Amino acid sequence: MDIASEQEIRARAGNLALAWYTEKHGEFAGRNREDYGEMVVAAHVAAEESRHALHRWVDAARRASLSWAEIGGLIGTSKQAAQQRFGGAGADGDVGGEAIVRTGATAFNELAIMAEEGGDGRELIGTGALSLIFRQTDSRWEYRRVTALFPESARARLERSGWAYVSSWYPFHYFKRRLAGA
């Protein structure tokens, strides 16, 4: 990728939260504290989704036969660093610093896994083939898994009730909510 393309992507990513705010409220004037709070949350959501997208694209690249060395070269790290960051673990365990991957998750046992991990203060940050990805927090979490013909309407309904979208792994859509008092 050339430097101009990289700069264009950075500019677009940096403006995602502002574009959302402008579409919802009009031009950002920064006249009250609440506006800044909304911008912080919007930028956080955009950053989280970008991180999830990177993991999904690396997974797709691996399925398309790119090696860990090639992926590492693309993002400016070593083969080992790329594999540690994105590769998961052969068994449950810590992966690449903050992520904790639970493997062996199926449609039949993943709700129990999510309940266990959420009770232990682990926040669901992603899903994958037979895996759930968490990070340790100071709060307890609850999770919902839904199947919806129109995921956008289900998402809007759940978000009005305080649920935050995590990810989708067909046919399921995953949501999380910090437990009250946690």
N, C-alpha and C. Protein backbone atom coordinates (compact mmCIF):
# COMPACT_ATOMS: atom_id res chain seq x y z
N MET A 1 0.86 -1.18 0.00
CA MET A 1 0.00 0.00 0.00
C MET A 1 0.90 1.23 0.00
N ASP A 2 0.56 2.21 -0.81
CA ASP A 2 1.38 3.42 -0.86
C ASP A 2 0.97 4.36 0.28
N ILE A 3 1.81 5.34 0.55
CA ILE A 3 1.61 6.24 1.70
C ILE A 3 0.34 7.07 1.55
N ALA A 4 -0.01 7.46 0.34
CA ALA A 4 -1.23 8.25 0.13
C ALA A 4 -2.47 7.43 0.49
N SER A 5 -2.49 6.18 0.09
CA SER A 5 -3.63 5.32 0.43
C SER A 5 -3.72 5.12 1.94
N GLU A 6 -2.57 4.90 2.57
CA GLU A 6 -2.55 4.73 4.02
C GLU A 6 -3.06 5.99 4.72
N GLN A 7 -2.65 7.15 4.27
CA GLN A 7 -3.12 8.41 4.86
C GLN A 7 -4.62 8.59 4.67
N GLU A 8 -5.14 8.19 3.50
CA GLU A 8 -6.57 8.30 3.24
C GLU A 8 -7.36 7.40 4.19
N ILE A 9 -6.90 6.19 4.39
CA ILE A 9 -7.58 5.27 5.32
C ILE A 9 -7.54 5.83 6.73
N ARG A 10 -6.39 6.35 7.15
CA ARG A 10 -6.28 6.93 8.49
C ARG A 10 -7.25 8.11 8.67
N ALA A 11 -7.35 8.94 7.66
CA ALA A 11 -8.26 10.09 7.74
C ALA A 11 -9.71 9.62 7.85
N ARG A 12 -10.08 8.63 7.04
CA ARG A 12 -11.45 8.11 7.09
C ARG A 12 -11.74 7.49 8.46
N ALA A 13 -10.81 6.70 8.95
CA ALA A 13 -11.02 6.06 10.26
C ALA A 13 -11.13 7.12 11.36
N GLY A 14 -10.30 8.13 11.28
CA GLY A 14 -10.34 9.19 12.28
C GLY A 14 -11.63 9.99 12.25
N ASN A 15 -12.29 10.02 11.11
CA ASN A 15 -13.52 10.79 10.97
C ASN A 15 -14.80 9.99 11.15
N LEU A 16 -14.70 8.69 11.41
CA LEU A 16 -15.91 7.87 11.55
C LEU A 16 -16.84 8.39 12.64
N ALA A 17 -16.30 8.63 13.81
CA ALA A 17 -17.13 9.09 14.92
C ALA A 17 -17.75 10.45 14.60
N LEU A 18 -16.98 11.34 14.02
CA LEU A 18 -17.48 12.67 13.69
C LEU A 18 -18.58 12.59 12.62
N ALA A 19 -18.40 11.72 11.64
CA ALA A 19 -19.43 11.55 10.60
C ALA A 19 -20.72 11.02 11.22
N TRP A 20 -20.60 10.08 12.14
CA TRP A 20 -21.79 9.54 12.82
C TRP A 20 -22.50 10.66 13.59
N TYR A 21 -21.72 11.45 14.35
CA TYR A 21 -22.31 12.53 15.15
C TYR A 21 -23.02 13.52 14.24
N THR A 22 -22.36 13.92 13.16
CA THR A 22 -22.92 14.89 12.23
C THR A 22 -24.23 14.39 11.63
N GLU A 23 -24.27 13.11 11.26
CA GLU A 23 -25.49 12.54 10.70
C GLU A 23 -26.62 12.52 11.73
N LYS A 24 -26.26 12.27 12.98
CA LYS A 24 -27.28 12.15 14.04
C LYS A 24 -27.73 13.51 14.57
N HIS A 25 -26.77 14.44 14.77
CA HIS A 25 -27.07 15.70 15.47
C HIS A 25 -26.80 16.96 14.66
N GLY A 26 -26.13 16.84 13.54
CA GLY A 26 -25.69 18.03 12.83
C GLY A 26 -24.23 18.31 13.17
N GLU A 27 -23.75 19.44 12.73
CA GLU A 27 -22.34 19.77 12.90
C GLU A 27 -21.94 19.76 14.38
N PHE A 28 -20.77 19.17 14.66
CA PHE A 28 -20.26 19.13 16.04
C PHE A 28 -19.74 20.52 16.41
N ALA A 29 -20.33 21.10 17.44
CA ALA A 29 -19.91 22.42 17.89
C ALA A 29 -19.12 22.34 19.19
N GLY A 30 -19.25 21.26 19.92
CA GLY A 30 -18.50 21.10 21.15
C GLY A 30 -18.89 22.08 22.23
N ARG A 31 -20.18 22.34 22.34
CA ARG A 31 -20.64 23.35 23.30
C ARG A 31 -21.00 22.77 24.66
N ASN A 32 -21.14 21.45 24.74
CA ASN A 32 -21.46 20.88 26.05
C ASN A 32 -20.73 19.57 26.28
N ARG A 33 -20.65 19.19 27.53
CA ARG A 33 -19.93 17.99 27.93
C ARG A 33 -20.50 16.73 27.30
N GLU A 34 -21.81 16.66 27.17
CA GLU A 34 -22.44 15.45 26.64
C GLU A 34 -21.98 15.15 25.22
N ASP A 35 -21.78 16.21 24.42
CA ASP A 35 -21.30 16.01 23.05
C ASP A 35 -19.95 15.30 23.06
N TYR A 36 -19.07 15.71 23.94
CA TYR A 36 -17.75 15.08 24.01
C TYR A 36 -17.86 13.64 24.49
N GLY A 37 -18.76 13.41 25.42
CA GLY A 37 -18.98 12.04 25.89
C GLY A 37 -19.45 11.14 24.76
N GLU A 38 -20.39 11.64 23.96
CA GLU A 38 -20.87 10.85 22.82
C GLU A 38 -19.74 10.58 21.82
N MET A 39 -18.88 11.56 21.61
CA MET A 39 -17.77 11.38 20.68
C MET A 39 -16.77 10.35 21.20
N VAL A 40 -16.50 10.35 22.48
CA VAL A 40 -15.59 9.36 23.06
C VAL A 40 -16.16 7.96 22.86
N VAL A 41 -17.45 7.79 23.16
CA VAL A 41 -18.08 6.48 22.99
C VAL A 41 -18.06 6.07 21.52
N ALA A 42 -18.40 6.98 20.62
CA ALA A 42 -18.43 6.66 19.19
C ALA A 42 -17.03 6.29 18.69
N ALA A 43 -16.01 7.01 19.11
CA ALA A 43 -14.64 6.70 18.69
C ALA A 43 -14.20 5.35 19.26
N HIS A 44 -14.62 5.06 20.48
CA HIS A 44 -14.31 3.77 21.09
C HIS A 44 -14.95 2.63 20.31
N VAL A 45 -16.21 2.78 19.95
CA VAL A 45 -16.91 1.75 19.18
C VAL A 45 -16.21 1.55 17.83
N ALA A 46 -15.83 2.63 17.17
CA ALA A 46 -15.15 2.54 15.88
C ALA A 46 -13.80 1.82 16.03
N ALA A 47 -13.06 2.13 17.09
CA ALA A 47 -11.77 1.48 17.33
C ALA A 47 -11.95 -0.01 17.60
N GLU A 48 -12.93 -0.35 18.42
CA GLU A 48 -13.20 -1.77 18.71
C GLU A 48 -13.58 -2.52 17.44
N GLU A 49 -14.45 -1.93 16.64
CA GLU A 49 -14.87 -2.62 15.42
C GLU A 49 -13.70 -2.75 14.45
N SER A 50 -12.83 -1.76 14.39
CA SER A 50 -11.65 -1.84 13.53
C SER A 50 -10.74 -2.98 13.98
N ARG A 51 -10.59 -3.14 15.29
CA ARG A 51 -9.77 -4.22 15.82
C ARG A 51 -10.39 -5.57 15.46
N HIS A 52 -11.71 -5.67 15.60
CA HIS A 52 -12.40 -6.92 15.24
C HIS A 52 -12.25 -7.19 13.74
N ALA A 53 -12.38 -6.15 12.92
CA ALA A 53 -12.25 -6.31 11.47
C ALA A 53 -10.86 -6.81 11.11
N LEU A 54 -9.84 -6.28 11.77
CA LEU A 54 -8.48 -6.74 11.51
C LEU A 54 -8.35 -8.23 11.79
N HIS A 55 -8.89 -8.67 12.91
CA HIS A 55 -8.83 -10.10 13.23
C HIS A 55 -9.58 -10.93 12.19
N ARG A 56 -10.74 -10.46 11.75
CA ARG A 56 -11.50 -11.20 10.74
C ARG A 56 -10.74 -11.27 9.42
N TRP A 57 -10.08 -10.17 9.02
CA TRP A 57 -9.34 -10.17 7.77
C TRP A 57 -8.10 -11.04 7.86
N VAL A 58 -7.44 -11.05 9.00
CA VAL A 58 -6.29 -11.95 9.17
C VAL A 58 -6.76 -13.40 9.09
N ASP A 59 -7.89 -13.71 9.72
CA ASP A 59 -8.44 -15.06 9.64
C ASP A 59 -8.74 -15.42 8.19
N ALA A 60 -9.35 -14.50 7.45
CA ALA A 60 -9.65 -14.75 6.04
C ALA A 60 -8.36 -14.92 5.24
N ALA A 61 -7.34 -14.13 5.53
CA ALA A 61 -6.06 -14.24 4.82
C ALA A 61 -5.42 -15.60 5.08
N ARG A 62 -5.52 -16.08 6.32
CA ARG A 62 -4.98 -17.41 6.64
C ARG A 62 -5.73 -18.49 5.86
N ARG A 63 -7.05 -18.36 5.77
CA ARG A 63 -7.84 -19.33 5.01
C ARG A 63 -7.52 -19.25 3.53
N ALA A 64 -7.01 -18.10 3.07
CA ALA A 64 -6.61 -17.92 1.68
C ALA A 64 -5.13 -18.27 1.48
N SER A 65 -4.53 -18.94 2.48
CA SER A 65 -3.17 -19.49 2.40
C SER A 65 -2.05 -18.48 2.60
N LEU A 66 -2.31 -17.29 3.13
CA LEU A 66 -1.20 -16.41 3.48
C LEU A 66 -0.52 -16.98 4.72
N SER A 67 0.78 -16.96 4.73
CA SER A 67 1.54 -17.48 5.88
C SER A 67 1.61 -16.43 6.98
N TRP A 68 1.99 -16.91 8.18
CA TRP A 68 2.17 -15.96 9.29
C TRP A 68 3.30 -14.99 8.96
N ALA A 69 4.33 -15.43 8.26
CA ALA A 69 5.42 -14.53 7.87
C ALA A 69 4.91 -13.44 6.93
N GLU A 70 4.05 -13.82 5.98
CA GLU A 70 3.49 -12.82 5.06
C GLU A 70 2.61 -11.82 5.81
N ILE A 71 1.77 -12.32 6.70
CA ILE A 71 0.89 -11.43 7.47
C ILE A 71 1.72 -10.51 8.35
N GLY A 72 2.72 -11.06 9.01
CA GLY A 72 3.61 -10.24 9.83
C GLY A 72 4.27 -9.14 9.01
N GLY A 73 4.75 -9.50 7.81
CA GLY A 73 5.37 -8.51 6.93
C GLY A 73 4.42 -7.41 6.53
N LEU A 74 3.15 -7.77 6.31
CA LEU A 74 2.15 -6.77 5.91
C LEU A 74 1.86 -5.76 7.00
N ILE A 75 1.92 -6.19 8.25
CA ILE A 75 1.59 -5.27 9.35
C ILE A 75 2.81 -4.82 10.13
N GLY A 76 4.01 -5.16 9.63
CA GLY A 76 5.23 -4.66 10.23
C GLY A 76 5.65 -5.36 11.51
N THR A 77 5.33 -6.65 11.61
CA THR A 77 5.78 -7.42 12.77
C THR A 77 6.43 -8.70 12.28
N SER A 78 6.97 -9.46 13.21
CA SER A 78 7.55 -10.74 12.86
C SER A 78 6.47 -11.79 12.67
N LYS A 79 6.85 -12.91 12.09
CA LYS A 79 5.96 -14.05 11.95
C LYS A 79 5.42 -14.46 13.31
N GLN A 80 6.30 -14.56 14.29
CA GLN A 80 5.91 -14.99 15.63
C GLN A 80 4.94 -14.01 16.28
N ALA A 81 5.20 -12.72 16.12
CA ALA A 81 4.32 -11.71 16.72
C ALA A 81 2.93 -11.76 16.08
N ALA A 82 2.88 -11.94 14.76
CA ALA A 82 1.58 -12.03 14.08
C ALA A 82 0.82 -13.26 14.55
N GLN A 83 1.51 -14.38 14.66
CA GLN A 83 0.85 -15.61 15.09
C GLN A 83 0.37 -15.50 16.54
N GLN A 84 1.16 -14.90 17.40
CA GLN A 84 0.74 -14.72 18.79
C GLN A 84 -0.45 -13.78 18.89
N ARG A 85 -0.45 -12.73 18.10
CA ARG A 85 -1.53 -11.74 18.17
C ARG A 85 -2.84 -12.25 17.59
N PHE A 86 -2.74 -12.98 16.47
CA PHE A 86 -3.95 -13.36 15.75
C PHE A 86 -4.24 -14.85 15.70
N GLY A 87 -3.28 -15.65 16.07
CA GLY A 87 -3.39 -17.07 15.79
C GLY A 87 -4.18 -17.90 16.75
N GLY A 88 -4.51 -17.38 17.90
CA GLY A 88 -5.20 -18.20 18.87
C GLY A 88 -4.22 -19.13 19.54
N ALA A 89 -4.73 -20.00 20.36
CA ALA A 89 -3.91 -20.95 21.08
C ALA A 89 -4.42 -22.34 20.76
N GLY A 90 -3.57 -23.31 20.91
CA GLY A 90 -3.97 -24.67 20.68
C GLY A 90 -4.99 -25.13 21.71
N ALA A 91 -4.97 -24.53 22.87
CA ALA A 91 -5.94 -24.82 23.92
C ALA A 91 -6.35 -23.49 24.50
N ASP A 92 -7.29 -23.52 25.44
CA ASP A 92 -7.71 -22.27 26.05
C ASP A 92 -6.49 -21.58 26.64
N GLY A 93 -6.48 -20.26 26.53
CA GLY A 93 -5.37 -19.56 27.13
C GLY A 93 -5.25 -18.16 26.63
N ASP A 94 -4.24 -17.48 27.14
CA ASP A 94 -3.98 -16.10 26.81
C ASP A 94 -3.35 -16.03 25.44
N VAL A 95 -3.82 -15.09 24.64
CA VAL A 95 -3.30 -14.93 23.29
C VAL A 95 -2.96 -13.47 23.06
N GLY A 96 -1.71 -13.19 22.76
CA GLY A 96 -1.31 -11.86 22.35
C GLY A 96 -1.61 -10.77 23.36
N GLY A 97 -1.43 -11.00 24.61
CA GLY A 97 -1.61 -9.97 25.61
C GLY A 97 -2.98 -10.00 26.23
N GLU A 98 -3.92 -9.20 25.70
CA GLU A 98 -5.19 -9.02 26.38
C GLU A 98 -6.24 -10.09 26.06
N ALA A 99 -6.14 -10.76 24.94
CA ALA A 99 -7.20 -11.68 24.53
C ALA A 99 -7.07 -13.04 25.20
N ILE A 100 -8.20 -13.56 25.63
CA ILE A 100 -8.28 -14.91 26.19
C ILE A 100 -9.23 -15.68 25.29
N VAL A 101 -8.73 -16.71 24.63
CA VAL A 101 -9.52 -17.45 23.66
C VAL A 101 -9.99 -18.76 24.30
N ARG A 102 -11.30 -18.97 24.26
CA ARG A 102 -11.88 -20.25 24.68
C ARG A 102 -12.23 -21.02 23.41
N THR A 103 -11.55 -22.12 23.20
CA THR A 103 -11.81 -22.94 22.03
C THR A 103 -12.80 -24.04 22.38
N GLY A 104 -13.31 -24.70 21.37
CA GLY A 104 -14.26 -25.78 21.59
C GLY A 104 -15.68 -25.30 21.84
N ALA A 105 -15.94 -24.04 21.55
CA ALA A 105 -17.29 -23.48 21.74
C ALA A 105 -18.18 -23.93 20.59
N THR A 106 -19.33 -24.48 20.93
CA THR A 106 -20.30 -24.90 19.93
C THR A 106 -21.63 -24.21 20.21
N ALA A 107 -22.56 -24.35 19.30
CA ALA A 107 -23.90 -23.78 19.50
C ALA A 107 -24.54 -24.34 20.76
N PHE A 108 -24.08 -25.51 21.20
CA PHE A 108 -24.70 -26.17 22.35
C PHE A 108 -24.08 -25.80 23.68
N ASN A 109 -22.80 -25.39 23.69
CA ASN A 109 -22.15 -25.10 24.97
C ASN A 109 -21.69 -23.66 25.14
N GLU A 110 -21.77 -22.85 24.08
CA GLU A 110 -21.19 -21.51 24.19
C GLU A 110 -21.94 -20.60 25.15
N LEU A 111 -23.24 -20.77 25.32
CA LEU A 111 -23.96 -19.94 26.29
C LEU A 111 -23.46 -20.21 27.70
N ALA A 112 -23.18 -21.46 28.02
CA ALA A 112 -22.63 -21.80 29.34
C ALA A 112 -21.23 -21.22 29.50
N ILE A 113 -20.42 -21.29 28.43
CA ILE A 113 -19.07 -20.72 28.49
C ILE A 113 -19.15 -19.22 28.72
N MET A 114 -20.03 -18.55 27.98
CA MET A 114 -20.16 -17.09 28.13
C MET A 114 -20.62 -16.73 29.53
N ALA A 115 -21.55 -17.49 30.09
CA ALA A 115 -22.02 -17.20 31.45
C ALA A 115 -20.89 -17.37 32.46
N GLU A 116 -20.12 -18.43 32.31
CA GLU A 116 -18.99 -18.67 33.20
C GLU A 116 -17.95 -17.56 33.10
N GLU A 117 -17.55 -17.23 31.88
CA GLU A 117 -16.53 -16.20 31.68
C GLU A 117 -17.04 -14.83 32.14
N GLY A 118 -18.29 -14.51 31.82
CA GLY A 118 -18.85 -13.22 32.25
C GLY A 118 -18.89 -13.10 33.76
N GLY A 119 -19.22 -14.19 34.45
CA GLY A 119 -19.22 -14.19 35.91
C GLY A 119 -17.84 -14.00 36.50
N ASP A 120 -16.81 -14.39 35.72
CA ASP A 120 -15.42 -14.22 36.17
C ASP A 120 -14.82 -12.89 35.72
N GLY A 121 -15.67 -12.01 35.18
CA GLY A 121 -15.19 -10.68 34.79
C GLY A 121 -14.57 -10.62 33.42
N ARG A 122 -14.87 -11.59 32.58
CA ARG A 122 -14.29 -11.57 31.24
C ARG A 122 -15.33 -11.07 30.25
N GLU A 123 -14.94 -10.04 29.52
CA GLU A 123 -15.80 -9.40 28.52
C GLU A 123 -15.60 -10.05 27.16
N LEU A 124 -16.70 -10.45 26.53
CA LEU A 124 -16.65 -11.03 25.19
C LEU A 124 -16.28 -9.92 24.21
N ILE A 125 -15.22 -10.15 23.42
CA ILE A 125 -14.79 -9.14 22.44
C ILE A 125 -14.81 -9.67 21.02
N GLY A 126 -15.08 -10.97 20.85
CA GLY A 126 -15.13 -11.51 19.50
C GLY A 126 -15.56 -12.96 19.49
N THR A 127 -15.93 -13.42 18.31
CA THR A 127 -16.33 -14.81 18.12
C THR A 127 -15.64 -15.33 16.87
N GLY A 128 -15.50 -16.63 16.80
CA GLY A 128 -14.90 -17.24 15.63
C GLY A 128 -15.33 -18.68 15.53
N ALA A 129 -14.72 -19.39 14.62
CA ALA A 129 -15.05 -20.80 14.43
C ALA A 129 -14.66 -21.58 15.68
N LEU A 130 -15.66 -22.07 16.38
CA LEU A 130 -15.47 -22.86 17.59
C LEU A 130 -14.70 -22.12 18.68
N SER A 131 -14.76 -20.79 18.67
CA SER A 131 -14.02 -20.03 19.68
C SER A 131 -14.77 -18.77 20.11
N LEU A 132 -14.52 -18.40 21.35
CA LEU A 132 -15.02 -17.15 21.92
C LEU A 132 -13.81 -16.39 22.45
N ILE A 133 -13.76 -15.11 22.21
CA ILE A 133 -12.60 -14.31 22.59
C ILE A 133 -13.02 -13.32 23.66
N PHE A 134 -12.30 -13.32 24.77
CA PHE A 134 -12.61 -12.49 25.92
C PHE A 134 -11.40 -11.65 26.30
N ARG A 135 -11.64 -10.66 27.16
CA ARG A 135 -10.55 -9.96 27.84
C ARG A 135 -10.98 -9.76 29.28
N GLN A 136 -10.01 -9.79 30.17
CA GLN A 136 -10.29 -9.65 31.59
C GLN A 136 -10.63 -8.20 31.92
N THR A 137 -11.68 -8.01 32.72
CA THR A 137 -12.07 -6.67 33.16
C THR A 137 -12.34 -6.71 34.66
N ASP A 138 -12.71 -5.57 35.21
CA ASP A 138 -13.06 -5.48 36.62
C ASP A 138 -14.56 -5.60 36.84
N SER A 139 -15.30 -5.93 35.81
CA SER A 139 -16.76 -6.02 35.89
C SER A 139 -17.21 -7.42 35.51
N ARG A 140 -18.42 -7.75 35.95
CA ARG A 140 -19.04 -8.99 35.51
C ARG A 140 -19.94 -8.66 34.31
N TRP A 141 -20.16 -9.66 33.45
CA TRP A 141 -20.88 -9.44 32.20
C TRP A 141 -21.97 -10.47 32.01
N GLU A 142 -23.01 -10.09 31.26
CA GLU A 142 -24.00 -11.04 30.81
C GLU A 142 -24.06 -10.95 29.29
N TYR A 143 -24.49 -12.04 28.68
CA TYR A 143 -24.44 -12.14 27.23
C TYR A 143 -25.76 -12.64 26.66
N ARG A 144 -26.03 -12.24 25.42
CA ARG A 144 -27.19 -12.72 24.67
C ARG A 144 -26.71 -13.19 23.32
N ARG A 145 -27.32 -14.23 22.84
CA ARG A 145 -27.07 -14.72 21.49
C ARG A 145 -28.43 -14.76 20.81
N VAL A 146 -28.55 -14.11 19.67
CA VAL A 146 -29.83 -14.09 18.97
C VAL A 146 -29.64 -14.52 17.52
N THR A 147 -30.69 -15.08 16.98
CA THR A 147 -30.78 -15.37 15.56
C THR A 147 -31.89 -14.47 15.04
N ALA A 148 -31.59 -13.69 14.03
CA ALA A 148 -32.58 -12.73 13.54
C ALA A 148 -32.54 -12.67 12.02
N LEU A 149 -33.72 -12.62 11.42
CA LEU A 149 -33.80 -12.44 9.97
C LEU A 149 -33.33 -11.05 9.59
N PHE A 150 -33.61 -10.08 10.46
CA PHE A 150 -33.21 -8.70 10.23
C PHE A 150 -32.35 -8.25 11.40
N PRO A 151 -31.05 -8.58 11.37
CA PRO A 151 -30.20 -8.31 12.53
C PRO A 151 -30.14 -6.84 12.91
N GLU A 152 -30.33 -5.92 11.96
CA GLU A 152 -30.26 -4.50 12.29
C GLU A 152 -31.39 -4.11 13.24
N SER A 153 -32.61 -4.63 13.01
CA SER A 153 -33.71 -4.28 13.90
C SER A 153 -33.55 -4.94 15.26
N ALA A 154 -33.06 -6.18 15.28
CA ALA A 154 -32.80 -6.84 16.56
C ALA A 154 -31.72 -6.09 17.32
N ARG A 155 -30.71 -5.65 16.62
CA ARG A 155 -29.62 -4.90 17.25
C ARG A 155 -30.13 -3.61 17.86
N ALA A 156 -30.93 -2.86 17.10
CA ALA A 156 -31.47 -1.59 17.61
C ALA A 156 -32.32 -1.83 18.85
N ARG A 157 -33.16 -2.86 18.82
CA ARG A 157 -34.02 -3.17 19.97
C ARG A 157 -33.18 -3.52 21.20
N LEU A 158 -32.16 -4.35 21.03
CA LEU A 158 -31.32 -4.74 22.15
C LEU A 158 -30.49 -3.57 22.67
N GLU A 159 -29.98 -2.74 21.77
CA GLU A 159 -29.18 -1.59 22.19
C GLU A 159 -30.01 -0.61 23.01
N ARG A 160 -31.30 -0.48 22.69
CA ARG A 160 -32.17 0.38 23.50
C ARG A 160 -32.32 -0.16 24.92
N SER A 161 -32.09 -1.45 25.09
CA SER A 161 -32.17 -2.08 26.41
C SER A 161 -30.81 -2.19 27.08
N GLY A 162 -29.82 -1.52 26.53
CA GLY A 162 -28.51 -1.50 27.17
C GLY A 162 -27.53 -2.56 26.72
N TRP A 163 -27.91 -3.36 25.72
CA TRP A 163 -27.02 -4.38 25.21
C TRP A 163 -26.11 -3.78 24.14
N ALA A 164 -24.85 -4.21 24.12
CA ALA A 164 -23.89 -3.75 23.11
C ALA A 164 -23.57 -4.90 22.17
N TYR A 165 -23.59 -4.61 20.89
CA TYR A 165 -23.27 -5.61 19.88
C TYR A 165 -21.79 -6.00 19.99
N VAL A 166 -21.50 -7.29 19.89
CA VAL A 166 -20.12 -7.78 19.90
C VAL A 166 -19.70 -8.20 18.50
N SER A 167 -20.40 -9.18 17.95
CA SER A 167 -20.05 -9.68 16.62
C SER A 167 -21.12 -10.63 16.13
N SER A 168 -20.93 -11.11 14.92
CA SER A 168 -21.82 -12.11 14.34
C SER A 168 -20.99 -13.27 13.84
N TRP A 169 -21.51 -14.45 14.03
CA TRP A 169 -20.93 -15.67 13.46
C TRP A 169 -22.12 -16.48 13.04
N TYR A 170 -22.39 -16.45 11.76
CA TYR A 170 -23.63 -16.96 11.21
C TYR A 170 -24.00 -18.30 11.82
N PRO A 171 -25.24 -18.45 12.28
CA PRO A 171 -26.39 -17.57 12.13
C PRO A 171 -26.64 -16.70 13.36
N PHE A 172 -25.67 -16.63 14.27
CA PHE A 172 -25.90 -15.96 15.54
C PHE A 172 -25.30 -14.55 15.58
N HIS A 173 -25.92 -13.72 16.42
CA HIS A 173 -25.45 -12.37 16.69
C HIS A 173 -25.27 -12.29 18.20
N TYR A 174 -24.13 -11.76 18.64
CA TYR A 174 -23.77 -11.79 20.05
C TYR A 174 -23.79 -10.38 20.64
N PHE A 175 -24.33 -10.29 21.86
CA PHE A 175 -24.46 -9.02 22.56
C PHE A 175 -23.96 -9.18 23.99
N LYS A 176 -23.50 -8.07 24.56
CA LYS A 176 -23.01 -8.08 25.94
C LYS A 176 -23.58 -6.90 26.69
N ARG A 177 -23.63 -7.07 28.02
CA ARG A 177 -24.08 -5.98 28.89
C ARG A 177 -23.37 -6.16 30.22
N ARG A 178 -22.80 -5.06 30.72
CA ARG A 178 -22.17 -5.07 32.03
C ARG A 178 -23.25 -5.28 33.07
N LEU A 179 -23.04 -6.18 34.01
CA LEU A 179 -24.04 -6.43 35.05
C LEU A 179 -24.13 -5.25 36.00
N ALA A 180 -25.33 -4.89 36.39
CA ALA A 180 -25.54 -3.78 37.32
C ALA A 180 -24.80 -4.07 38.63
N GLY A 181 -24.18 -3.03 39.15
CA GLY A 181 -23.46 -3.15 40.41
C GLY A 181 -22.14 -3.89 40.27
N ALA A 182 -21.76 -4.20 39.05
CA ALA A 182 -20.51 -4.94 38.83
C ALA A 182 -19.41 -4.01 38.41
